[in-house]
C-alpha atoms as a PDB file:
ATOM      1  CA  MET A   1       4.746  -6.462   7.991  1.00  0.00           C
ATOM      2  CA  TRP A   2       2.142  -8.839   9.974  1.00  0.00           C
ATOM      3  CA  SER A   3      -1.142  -9.992   8.367  1.00  0.00           C
ATOM      4  CA  PRO A   4      -4.403  -9.075  10.304  1.00  0.00           C
ATOM      5  CA  ARG A   5      -4.885 -12.250  11.691  1.00  0.00           C
ATOM      6  CA  GLY A   6      -1.046 -12.418  13.038  1.00  0.00           C
ATOM      7  CA  ASP A   7      -0.846 -15.664  10.893  1.00  0.00           C
ATOM      8  CA  TYR A   8       1.716 -14.622   8.136  1.00  0.00           C
ATOM      9  CA  LEU A   9       4.438 -11.892   7.680  1.00  0.00           C
ATOM     10  CA  VAL A  10       4.919 -10.442   4.278  1.00  0.00           C
ATOM     11  CA  PHE A  11       8.338  -8.858   3.495  1.00  0.00           C
ATOM     12  CA  GLY A  12      10.530  -7.572   0.779  1.00  0.00           C
ATOM     13  CA  ALA A  13      14.245  -9.553   0.494  1.00  0.00           C
ATOM     14  CA  ASN A  14      16.908  -9.992  -2.340  1.00  0.00           C
ATOM     15  CA  PRO A  15      18.068 -13.511  -2.064  1.00  0.00           C
ATOM     16  CA  LYS A  16      19.554 -13.651  -5.541  1.00  0.00           C
ATOM     17  CA  LEU A  17      21.580 -10.226  -4.996  1.00  0.00           C
ATOM     18  CA  ALA A  18      20.333  -9.295  -8.415  1.00  0.00           C
ATOM     19  CA  GLY A  19      19.375  -5.535  -6.808  1.00  0.00           C
ATOM     20  CA  VAL A  20      15.797  -6.268  -7.024  1.00  0.00           C
ATOM     21  CA  MET A  21      13.753  -7.140  -3.554  1.00  0.00           C
ATOM     22  CA  ASP A  22      10.629  -9.519  -4.266  1.00  0.00           C
ATOM     23  CA  LEU A  23       7.569 -10.041  -1.978  1.00  0.00           C
ATOM     24  CA  TYR A  24       7.585 -13.022   0.106  1.00  0.00           C
ATOM     25  CA  GLN A  25       5.311 -14.489   2.713  1.00  0.00           C
ATOM     26  CA  LEU A  26       5.697 -16.537   5.627  1.00  0.00           C
ATOM     27  CA  PRO A  27       3.514 -18.484   7.387  1.00  0.00           C
ATOM     28  CA  LEU A  28       4.145 -18.372  11.226  1.00  0.00           C
ATOM     29  CA  ILE A  29       2.357 -21.718  11.838  1.00  0.00           C
ATOM     30  CA  ASN A  30       3.887 -24.982  11.206  1.00  0.00           C
ATOM     31  CA  ALA A  31       6.871 -23.144  10.481  1.00  0.00           C
ATOM     32  CA  ALA A  32       6.819 -23.868   6.697  1.00  0.00           C
ATOM     33  CA  ARG A  33       9.134 -21.824   4.232  1.00  0.00           C
ATOM     34  CA  GLU A  34       8.492 -18.811   2.977  1.00  0.00           C
ATOM     35  CA  GLU A  35       6.368 -18.546  -0.270  1.00  0.00           C
ATOM     36  CA  LEU A  36       7.335 -15.815  -3.627  1.00  0.00           C
ATOM     37  CA  VAL A  37       4.089 -13.724  -3.987  1.00  0.00           C
ATOM     38  CA  LEU A  38       5.869 -11.687  -6.657  1.00  0.00           C
ATOM     39  CA  THR A  39       8.540 -10.919  -8.666  1.00  0.00           C
ATOM     40  CA  THR A  40       9.286  -8.322 -11.235  1.00  0.00           C
ATOM     41  CA  GLN A  41      12.284  -6.255 -12.301  1.00  0.00           C
ATOM     42  CA  GLN A  42      11.440  -3.471  -9.862  1.00  0.00           C
ATOM     43  CA  ILE A  43      12.201  -3.103  -6.207  1.00  0.00           C
ATOM     44  CA  LYS A  44       9.250  -3.780  -4.022  1.00  0.00           C
ATOM     45  CA  GLN A  45       8.670  -3.059  -0.623  1.00  0.00           C
ATOM     46  CA  PRO A  46       5.403  -3.781   1.577  1.00  0.00           C
ATOM     47  CA  GLU A  47       3.482  -0.662   2.852  1.00  0.00           C
ATOM     48  CA  ASP A  48       0.289  -2.103   4.301  1.00  0.00           C
ATOM     49  CA  TRP A  49      -1.975  -5.619   4.399  1.00  0.00           C
ATOM     50  CA  SER A  50      -5.674  -4.789   4.110  1.00  0.00           C
ATOM     51  CA  SER A  51      -7.772  -5.334   7.331  1.00  0.00           C
ATOM     52  CA  ASP A  52      -9.615  -8.231   5.372  1.00  0.00           C
ATOM     53  CA  GLY A  53      -6.360  -9.791   4.469  1.00  0.00           C
ATOM     54  CA  GLN A  54      -7.067  -9.698   0.474  1.00  0.00           C
ATOM     55  CA  PHE A  55      -4.632  -7.301  -0.581  1.00  0.00           C
ATOM     56  CA  VAL A  56      -1.475  -6.180   0.409  1.00  0.00           C
ATOM     57  CA  VAL A  57      -0.023  -2.409  -0.971  1.00  0.00           C
ATOM     58  CA  TYR A  58       3.181  -2.071  -1.984  1.00  0.00           C
ATOM     59  CA  ARG A  59       5.765   0.711  -3.144  1.00  0.00           C
ATOM     60  CA  THR A  60       7.744  -0.097  -6.057  1.00  0.00           C
ATOM     61  CA  THR A  61      10.568   1.380  -7.916  1.00  0.00           C
ATOM     62  CA  SER A  62      12.011   1.314 -11.062  1.00  0.00           C
ATOM     63  CA  PRO A  63      15.361   2.360 -12.575  1.00  0.00           C
ATOM     64  CA  GLY A  64      15.205   5.831 -13.592  1.00  0.00           C
ATOM     65  CA  ARG A  65      11.616   6.384 -11.582  1.00  0.00           C
ATOM     66  CA  VAL A  66      10.252   7.334  -8.008  1.00  0.00           C
ATOM     67  CA  ASN A  67       7.940   5.389  -6.189  1.00  0.00           C
ATOM     68  CA  ASP A  68       4.736   3.974  -7.369  1.00  0.00           C
ATOM     69  CA  LEU A  69       1.872   2.188  -5.172  1.00  0.00           C
ATOM     70  CA  TRP A  70       0.495  -0.835  -6.426  1.00  0.00           C
ATOM     71  CA  ALA A  71      -1.471  -3.810  -4.800  1.00  0.00           C
ATOM     72  CA  VAL A  72      -1.220  -7.623  -4.926  1.00  0.00           C
ATOM     73  CA  SER A  73      -3.833  -9.971  -4.121  1.00  0.00           C
ATOM     74  CA  MET A  74      -2.847 -12.544  -1.606  1.00  0.00           C
ATOM     75  CA  GLN A  75      -5.071 -15.260  -2.765  1.00  0.00           C
ATOM     76  CA  GLY A  76      -5.047 -17.328  -5.678  1.00  0.00           C
ATOM     77  CA  ASP A  77      -2.459 -16.065  -8.527  1.00  0.00           C
ATOM     78  CA  HIS A  78      -1.463 -13.223  -6.803  1.00  0.00           C
ATOM     79  CA  LYS A  79      -2.877 -10.588  -9.189  1.00  0.00           C
ATOM     80  CA  THR A  80      -1.179  -6.866  -9.246  1.00  0.00           C
ATOM     81  CA  PHE A  81      -2.706  -3.587 -10.010  1.00  0.00           C
ATOM     82  CA  ALA A  82      -1.584  -0.493  -9.875  1.00  0.00           C
ATOM     83  CA  ILE A  83      -3.200   1.829  -7.417  1.00  0.00           C
ATOM     84  CA  VAL A  84      -1.275   4.822  -8.485  1.00  0.00           C
ATOM     85  CA  ASP A  85       1.573   4.883 -11.317  1.00  0.00           C
ATOM     86  CA  THR A  86       2.360   8.349 -12.336  1.00  0.00           C
ATOM     87  CA  ALA A  87       5.787  10.488 -12.596  1.00  0.00           C
ATOM     88  CA  ALA A  88       5.055  11.963  -9.007  1.00  0.00           C
ATOM     89  CA  ASP A  89       6.669  10.150  -6.018  1.00  0.00           C
ATOM     90  CA  GLU A  90       4.028   8.408  -4.332  1.00  0.00           C
ATOM     91  CA  LYS A  91       4.746   6.700  -0.855  1.00  0.00           C
ATOM     92  CA  ALA A  92       3.471   6.005   2.704  1.00  0.00           C
ATOM     93  CA  ALA A  93       0.361   4.257   1.875  1.00  0.00           C
ATOM     94  CA  GLN A  94      -1.940   2.796   4.144  1.00  0.00           C
ATOM     95  CA  PHE A  95      -5.483   0.978   3.940  1.00  0.00           C
ATOM     96  CA  ALA A  96      -8.403   2.558   5.517  1.00  0.00           C
ATOM     97  CA  PRO A  97     -10.273  -0.014   8.017  1.00  0.00           C
ATOM     98  CA  ASP A  98     -12.682  -1.178   5.747  1.00  0.00           C
ATOM     99  CA  ALA A  99     -10.089  -2.277   3.229  1.00  0.00           C
ATOM    100  CA  HIS A 100     -11.425   0.295   0.143  1.00  0.00           C
ATOM    101  CA  TRP A 101      -9.367   3.358   0.416  1.00  0.00           C
ATOM    102  CA  VAL A 102      -5.909   3.816   0.419  1.00  0.00           C
ATOM    103  CA  ALA A 103      -4.276   6.975   1.639  1.00  0.00           C
ATOM    104  CA  PHE A 104      -0.959   8.081   0.472  1.00  0.00           C
ATOM    105  CA  GLU A 105       1.917  10.969   0.364  1.00  0.00           C
ATOM    106  CA  SER A 106       2.379  12.278  -3.286  1.00  0.00           C
ATOM    107  CA  ASN A 107       4.706  14.925  -4.538  1.00  0.00           C
ATOM    108  CA  GLU A 108       2.364  15.336  -7.902  1.00  0.00           C
ATOM    109  CA  THR A 109       1.880  19.108  -7.416  1.00  0.00           C
ATOM    110  CA  GLY A 110       5.694  20.039  -6.467  1.00  0.00           C
ATOM    111  CA  SER A 111       5.830  19.387  -2.430  1.00  0.00           C
ATOM    112  CA  TYR A 112       4.560  16.159  -0.626  1.00  0.00           C
ATOM    113  CA  GLU A 113       0.582  16.373   0.100  1.00  0.00           C
ATOM    114  CA  LYS A 114      -0.508  14.519   3.181  1.00  0.00           C
ATOM    115  CA  PRO A 115      -2.548  11.802   2.869  1.00  0.00           C
ATOM    116  CA  ALA A 116      -5.735  13.524   3.626  1.00  0.00           C
ATOM    117  CA  ASN A 117      -5.228  15.058   0.209  1.00  0.00           C
ATOM    118  CA  ARG A 118      -4.991  12.078  -1.592  1.00  0.00           C
ATOM    119  CA  CYS A 119      -7.044   8.953  -1.646  1.00  0.00           C
ATOM    120  CA  ARG A 120      -8.198   6.193  -4.094  1.00  0.00           C
ATOM    121  CA  CYS A 121     -10.625   3.733  -3.852  1.00  0.00           C
ATOM    122  CA  LEU A 122     -10.647  -0.042  -4.053  1.00  0.00           C
ATOM    123  CA  ARG A 123     -13.318  -1.861  -5.991  1.00  0.00           C
ATOM    124  CA  ARG A 124     -13.537  -4.999  -7.076  1.00  0.00           C
ATOM    125  CA  GLY A 125      -9.896  -5.515  -7.915  1.00  0.00           C
ATOM    126  CA  SER A 126      -9.778  -2.106 -10.253  1.00  0.00           C
ATOM    127  CA  VAL A 127      -9.138   1.590  -9.071  1.00  0.00           C
ATOM    128  CA  ALA A 128     -11.755   4.082  -8.939  1.00  0.00           C
ATOM    129  CA  HIS A 129     -10.711   7.663  -8.384  1.00  0.00           C
ATOM    130  CA  CYS A 130     -12.110   8.616  -5.161  1.00  0.00           C
ATOM    131  CA  LYS A 131     -12.711  12.607  -3.879  1.00  0.00           C
ATOM    132  CA  ALA A 132     -10.410  13.601  -0.888  1.00  0.00           C
ATOM    133  CA  ILE A 133     -12.379  15.013   2.056  1.00  0.00           C
ATOM    134  CA  ARG A 134     -11.272  18.258   3.236  1.00  0.00           C
ATOM    135  CA  ASP A 135     -12.227  20.071   6.426  1.00  0.00           C
ATOM    136  CA  SER A 136     -10.486  21.607   9.345  1.00  0.00           C
ATOM    137  CA  SER A 137     -11.059  18.472  11.907  1.00  0.00           C
ATOM    138  CA  THR A 138      -8.967  16.310   8.951  1.00  0.00           C
ATOM    139  CA  GLN A 139      -6.452  18.320   7.839  1.00  0.00           C
ATOM    140  CA  PRO A 140      -3.064  16.640   8.682  1.00  0.00           C
ATOM    141  CA  ARG A 141      -0.729  18.551  10.971  1.00  0.00           C
ATOM    142  CA  PRO A 142       2.472  19.614   9.044  1.00  0.00           C
ATOM    143  CA  THR A 143       4.772  17.070  11.499  1.00  0.00           C
ATOM    144  CA  ASP A 144       2.314  14.036  10.078  1.00  0.00           C
ATOM    145  CA  ASN A 145       4.431  11.784   7.859  1.00  0.00           C
ATOM    146  CA  VAL A 146       1.971   8.599   8.061  1.00  0.00           C
ATOM    147  CA  SER A 147      -1.763   8.440   7.274  1.00  0.00           C
ATOM    148  CA  SER A 148      -4.214   7.703   9.883  1.00  0.00           C
ATOM    149  CA  TRP A 149      -8.023   6.722   9.493  1.00  0.00           C
ATOM    150  CA  THR A 150     -10.693   7.767  12.138  1.00  0.00           C
ATOM    151  CA  PRO A 151     -13.239   5.039  12.655  1.00  0.00           C
ATOM    152  CA  SER A 152     -16.202   5.380  10.489  1.00  0.00           C
ATOM    153  CA  PRO A 153     -19.113   2.862   9.335  1.00  0.00           C
ATOM    154  CA  LYS A 154     -19.654   4.793   5.821  1.00  0.00           C
ATOM    155  CA  MET A 155     -16.653   6.276   4.385  1.00  0.00           C
ATOM    156  CA  PRO A 156     -13.216   6.638   6.699  1.00  0.00           C
ATOM    157  CA  VAL A 157     -11.870   9.939   6.792  1.00  0.00           C
ATOM    158  CA  PRO A 158      -8.270  10.326   6.734  1.00  0.00           C
ATOM    159  CA  ARG A 159      -7.239  12.602   9.265  1.00  0.00           C
END
Protein backbone atom coordinates (compact mmCIF):
# COMPACT_ATOMS: atom_id res chain seq x y z
CA MET A 1 0.00 0.00 0.00
CA TRP A 2 1.21 3.53 -0.81
CA SER A 3 2.07 6.11 1.83
CA PRO A 4 -0.07 9.26 1.75
CA ARG A 5 2.73 11.20 0.02
CA GLY A 6 3.46 8.37 -2.39
CA ASP A 7 7.10 8.06 -1.37
CA TYR A 8 6.90 4.66 0.42
CA LEU A 9 5.20 1.33 0.04
CA VAL A 10 4.28 -0.85 3.01
CA PHE A 11 3.65 -4.54 2.44
CA GLY A 12 3.52 -7.92 4.13
CA ALA A 13 6.17 -10.46 3.13
CA ASN A 14 7.47 -13.84 4.21
CA PRO A 15 11.13 -13.81 3.14
CA LYS A 16 12.15 -16.56 5.57
CA LEU A 17 9.33 -18.85 4.40
CA ALA A 18 8.47 -19.44 8.04
CA GLY A 19 4.70 -19.14 7.57
CA VAL A 20 4.65 -15.67 9.13
CA MET A 21 4.27 -12.45 7.16
CA ASP A 22 6.11 -9.44 8.53
CA LEU A 23 5.58 -5.77 7.65
CA TYR A 24 8.13 -3.92 5.53
CA GLN A 25 8.36 -0.45 4.06
CA LEU A 26 10.14 0.37 0.84
CA PRO A 27 11.31 3.91 0.08
CA LEU A 28 10.64 4.77 -3.54
CA ILE A 29 13.15 7.62 -3.62
CA ASN A 30 16.81 6.70 -4.13
CA ALA A 31 15.83 3.05 -4.64
CA ALA A 32 16.92 2.07 -1.14
CA ARG A 33 16.31 -1.40 0.30
CA GLU A 34 13.18 -2.33 2.15
CA GLU A 35 13.13 -1.79 5.92
CA LEU A 36 11.62 -4.28 8.37
CA VAL A 37 8.88 -2.41 10.24
CA LEU A 38 7.43 -5.19 12.38
CA THR A 39 8.14 -8.83 13.06
CA THR A 40 6.05 -10.99 15.41
CA GLN A 41 4.82 -14.58 15.46
CA GLN A 42 1.50 -13.53 13.86
CA ILE A 43 0.64 -13.09 10.20
CA LYS A 44 0.35 -9.37 9.40
CA GLN A 45 -1.27 -7.68 6.43
CA PRO A 46 -1.49 -3.87 6.05
CA GLU A 47 -5.02 -2.48 5.65
CA ASP A 48 -4.61 1.33 5.51
CA TRP A 49 -2.11 4.15 6.05
CA SER A 50 -3.30 7.24 7.95
CA SER A 51 -3.47 10.47 5.96
CA ASP A 52 -0.92 12.12 8.28
CA GLY A 53 1.53 9.28 7.57
CA GLN A 54 1.95 8.39 11.26
CA PHE A 55 0.18 5.00 11.46
CA VAL A 56 -0.52 1.90 9.45
CA VAL A 57 -3.46 -0.22 10.56
CA TYR A 58 -2.89 -3.90 9.93
CA ARG A 59 -4.80 -7.14 10.26
CA THR A 60 -3.09 -9.81 12.31
CA THR A 61 -3.91 -13.50 12.62
CA SER A 62 -2.54 -16.02 15.09
CA PRO A 63 -2.92 -19.80 14.81
CA GLY A 64 -6.36 -20.81 16.08
CA ARG A 65 -7.64 -17.20 16.11
CA VAL A 66 -9.42 -14.90 13.72
CA ASN A 67 -8.32 -11.46 12.49
CA ASP A 68 -7.65 -8.61 14.91
CA LEU A 69 -6.70 -5.02 14.06
CA TRP A 70 -3.58 -3.30 15.31
CA ALA A 71 -1.73 -0.12 14.39
CA VAL A 72 1.99 0.49 14.08
CA SER A 73 3.74 3.84 14.25
CA MET A 74 5.66 4.55 11.07
CA GLN A 75 8.10 6.83 12.90
CA GLY A 76 10.84 6.00 15.38
CA ASP A 77 10.78 2.56 16.97
CA HIS A 78 7.51 1.43 15.30
CA LYS A 79 5.43 1.01 18.47
CA THR A 80 2.27 -1.02 18.09
CA PHE A 81 -1.11 -0.89 19.82
CA ALA A 82 -4.36 -2.78 19.49
CA ILE A 83 -7.31 -1.12 17.80
CA VAL A 84 -9.54 -4.18 18.22
CA ASP A 85 -8.28 -7.46 19.71
CA THR A 86 -11.27 -9.66 20.48
CA ALA A 87 -12.58 -13.18 19.87
CA ALA A 88 -14.56 -11.75 16.93
CA ASP A 89 -13.19 -11.43 13.39
CA GLU A 90 -12.31 -7.82 12.48
CA LYS A 91 -11.24 -6.77 9.00
CA ALA A 92 -11.53 -4.15 6.22
CA ALA A 93 -10.08 -1.31 8.34
CA GLN A 94 -9.87 2.19 6.94
CA PHE A 95 -8.71 5.44 8.53
CA ALA A 96 -10.95 8.49 8.41
CA PRO A 97 -9.51 11.48 6.53
CA ASP A 98 -8.55 13.17 9.84
CA ALA A 99 -6.64 9.99 10.92
CA HIS A 100 -8.40 9.91 14.31
CA TRP A 101 -11.02 7.28 13.48
CA VAL A 102 -10.89 3.78 12.07
CA ALA A 103 -13.88 2.02 10.54
CA PHE A 104 -13.89 -1.75 10.17
CA GLU A 105 -16.09 -4.79 9.77
CA SER A 106 -16.72 -7.15 12.68
CA ASN A 107 -18.75 -10.30 13.27
CA GLU A 108 -18.92 -9.68 17.03
CA THR A 109 -22.74 -9.93 16.97
CA GLY A 110 -22.72 -13.17 14.98
CA SER A 111 -22.85 -11.65 11.50
CA TYR A 112 -20.58 -9.12 9.85
CA GLU A 113 -21.51 -5.55 10.66
CA LYS A 114 -20.64 -2.89 8.17
CA PRO A 115 -18.10 -0.19 9.04
CA ALA A 116 -20.79 2.40 9.84
CA ASN A 117 -21.59 0.36 12.93
CA ARG A 118 -18.06 -0.16 14.28
CA CYS A 119 -15.66 2.70 15.04
CA ARG A 120 -12.73 3.34 17.31
CA CYS A 121 -10.93 6.59 17.96
CA LEU A 122 -7.16 7.02 17.92
CA ARG A 123 -5.86 9.52 20.46
CA ARG A 124 -2.19 9.99 21.33
CA GLY A 125 -1.25 6.39 20.73
CA SER A 126 -4.07 4.92 22.82
CA VAL A 127 -7.50 3.71 21.86
CA ALA A 128 -10.75 5.26 23.03
CA HIS A 129 -14.16 3.78 22.34
CA CYS A 130 -16.18 5.95 20.00
CA LYS A 131 -19.91 5.84 19.51
CA ALA A 132 -21.11 4.72 16.12
CA ILE A 133 -23.11 7.33 14.27
CA ARG A 134 -26.26 5.92 12.75
CA ASP A 135 -28.91 7.49 10.57
CA SER A 136 -30.55 6.55 7.31
CA SER A 137 -28.04 8.54 5.26
CA THR A 138 -25.02 6.80 6.76
CA GLN A 139 -26.19 3.19 6.77
CA PRO A 140 -24.19 1.12 4.30
CA ARG A 141 -25.95 -0.81 1.60
CA PRO A 142 -25.95 -4.60 2.04
CA THR A 143 -23.53 -4.91 -0.88
CA ASP A 144 -20.95 -2.56 0.68
CA ASN A 145 -17.88 -4.45 1.81
CA VAL A 146 -15.39 -1.66 2.42
CA SER A 147 -15.63 1.47 4.47
CA SER A 148 -15.78 4.93 3.02
CA TRP A 149 -15.95 8.28 4.74
CA THR A 150 -17.86 11.43 4.01
CA PRO A 151 -15.81 14.63 4.26
CA SER A 152 -16.36 16.47 7.53
CA PRO A 153 -14.10 18.97 9.26
CA LYS A 154 -15.42 17.99 12.72
CA MET A 155 -16.27 14.31 12.80
CA PRO A 156 -16.10 11.96 9.84
CA VAL A 157 -19.22 9.86 9.46
CA PRO A 158 -18.81 6.40 8.00
CA ARG A 159 -21.28 5.70 5.24
